[in-house]
Amino acid sequence: MNKKHPIQSTPELRRLWIEQAQRLHPGNHWIEWLEHVATKAVQWGADTQLEKALEYLDRNNQWARVDLDEMHDALRPKPISKQQQALLAINAAVADDRLSADVANVVRAVFKELGI
């Protein structure tokens, strides 16, 4: 790369992501390593861009701070709940024929009764 992009992670940060990937996937799992580093880079880039945009709006008094905080929260997805993860796992198990649709419907009904 001849020209440095204005939003670019540091070599130290990229090394950290590589080390994390290698700890999470020991052995020669380069595809998982690439996926981990790519995911981290995309997240870091998006977070950096959002922070720069919010700083600009705040510095130029475009919006109230409370609005900027709401924007930040709205643009960052919340982790899915354990209940949502369970429902996704049930759906995947049904799709893969590892769980019958009847059993899945019983579990979903229980979730619905519990308000999940």
Protein backbone atom coordinates (compact mmCIF):
# COMPACT_ATOMS: atom_id res chain seq x y z
CA MET A 1 0.00 0.00 0.00
CA ASN A 2 1.65 3.20 -1.14
CA LYS A 3 -0.80 5.66 0.33
CA LYS A 4 -1.94 5.44 3.94
CA HIS A 5 -5.70 5.64 4.43
CA PRO A 6 -6.74 8.25 7.03
CA ILE A 7 -8.44 5.57 9.12
CA GLN A 8 -5.99 2.73 9.56
CA SER A 9 -5.22 0.56 12.56
CA THR A 10 -1.74 0.55 14.02
CA PRO A 11 0.69 -2.34 13.43
CA GLU A 12 0.51 -3.07 17.18
CA LEU A 13 -3.25 -3.41 17.05
CA ARG A 14 -3.08 -5.70 14.02
CA ARG A 15 -0.49 -7.87 15.80
CA LEU A 16 -2.78 -8.05 18.84
CA TRP A 17 -5.66 -9.27 16.64
CA ILE A 18 -3.41 -11.90 15.06
CA GLU A 19 -2.25 -13.10 18.49
CA GLN A 20 -5.87 -13.26 19.69
CA ALA A 21 -6.82 -15.28 16.62
CA GLN A 22 -3.97 -17.72 17.18
CA ARG A 23 -4.95 -18.17 20.84
CA LEU A 24 -8.61 -18.71 19.93
CA HIS A 25 -7.75 -21.13 17.10
CA PRO A 26 -4.49 -22.93 17.96
CA GLY A 27 -2.78 -24.81 15.17
CA ASN A 28 -2.75 -23.93 11.51
CA HIS A 29 -6.26 -22.48 11.21
CA TRP A 30 -5.46 -19.57 8.93
CA ILE A 31 -9.03 -19.19 7.65
CA GLU A 32 -10.32 -18.68 11.20
CA TRP A 33 -7.39 -16.32 11.85
CA LEU A 34 -8.27 -14.27 8.77
CA GLU A 35 -11.93 -14.17 9.75
CA HIS A 36 -11.05 -13.03 13.28
CA VAL A 37 -8.67 -10.30 12.10
CA ALA A 38 -11.07 -9.13 9.39
CA THR A 39 -13.94 -8.95 11.89
CA LYS A 40 -11.82 -7.02 14.39
CA ALA A 41 -10.63 -4.62 11.66
CA VAL A 42 -14.16 -3.95 10.42
CA GLN A 43 -15.41 -3.35 13.95
CA TRP A 44 -12.47 -1.10 14.79
CA GLY A 45 -12.91 0.89 11.57
CA ALA A 46 -16.64 1.35 12.10
CA ASP A 47 -16.14 2.39 15.72
CA THR A 48 -13.39 4.83 14.73
CA GLN A 49 -15.51 6.36 11.98
CA LEU A 50 -18.50 6.71 14.30
CA GLU A 51 -16.41 8.37 17.01
CA LYS A 52 -14.88 10.81 14.49
CA ALA A 53 -18.35 11.71 13.17
CA LEU A 54 -19.72 12.24 16.67
CA GLU A 55 -16.67 14.36 17.60
CA TYR A 56 -17.24 16.50 14.52
CA LEU A 57 -20.92 17.03 15.27
CA ASP A 58 -20.16 17.81 18.91
CA ARG A 59 -17.32 20.19 18.05
CA ASN A 60 -19.49 22.10 15.59
CA ASN A 61 -22.48 22.22 17.94
CA GLN A 62 -24.67 20.44 15.44
CA TRP A 63 -26.58 18.43 18.03
CA ALA A 64 -27.06 18.22 21.76
CA ARG A 65 -24.80 15.76 23.57
CA VAL A 66 -27.81 13.61 24.53
CA ASP A 67 -28.66 13.25 20.83
CA LEU A 68 -25.09 12.21 20.06
CA ASP A 69 -25.22 9.61 22.83
CA GLU A 70 -28.50 8.27 21.43
CA MET A 71 -26.98 8.13 17.96
CA HIS A 72 -23.98 6.21 19.27
CA ASP A 73 -26.19 3.68 21.03
CA ALA A 74 -28.48 3.30 18.02
CA LEU A 75 -25.58 2.67 15.64
CA ARG A 76 -23.94 0.00 17.77
CA PRO A 77 -25.83 -3.30 17.81
CA LYS A 78 -26.50 -4.81 21.19
CA PRO A 79 -25.33 -8.37 21.80
CA ILE A 80 -28.16 -10.82 21.37
CA SER A 81 -29.63 -12.23 24.55
CA LYS A 82 -29.21 -15.83 25.68
CA GLN A 83 -32.88 -16.37 24.88
CA GLN A 84 -32.42 -15.09 21.33
CA GLN A 85 -29.33 -17.29 20.97
CA ALA A 86 -31.36 -20.29 22.12
CA LEU A 87 -34.11 -19.59 19.59
CA LEU A 88 -31.53 -19.22 16.81
CA ALA A 89 -29.96 -22.53 17.86
CA ILE A 90 -33.37 -24.21 17.79
CA ASN A 91 -34.05 -22.83 14.31
CA ALA A 92 -30.64 -24.01 13.09
CA ALA A 93 -31.17 -27.47 14.59
CA VAL A 94 -34.52 -27.79 12.83
CA ALA A 95 -33.04 -26.60 9.54
CA ASP A 96 -30.23 -29.18 9.85
CA ASP A 97 -32.69 -31.99 10.77
CA ARG A 98 -31.06 -32.36 14.19
CA LEU A 99 -34.33 -31.47 15.95
CA SER A 100 -37.89 -32.19 14.94
CA ALA A 101 -40.20 -29.29 14.19
CA ASP A 102 -42.67 -30.65 16.78
CA VAL A 103 -40.10 -30.54 19.59
CA ALA A 104 -38.95 -27.08 18.46
CA ASN A 105 -42.53 -25.82 18.57
CA VAL A 106 -42.93 -27.08 22.15
CA VAL A 107 -39.77 -25.23 23.22
CA ARG A 108 -40.85 -22.08 21.37
CA ALA A 109 -44.26 -22.26 23.10
CA VAL A 110 -42.55 -22.41 26.50
CA PHE A 111 -40.41 -19.43 25.56
CA LYS A 112 -43.54 -17.55 24.51
CA GLU A 113 -45.30 -18.36 27.79
CA LEU A 114 -42.28 -17.06 29.69
CA GLY A 115 -42.32 -13.89 27.62
CA ILE A 116 -39.03 -14.66 25.92
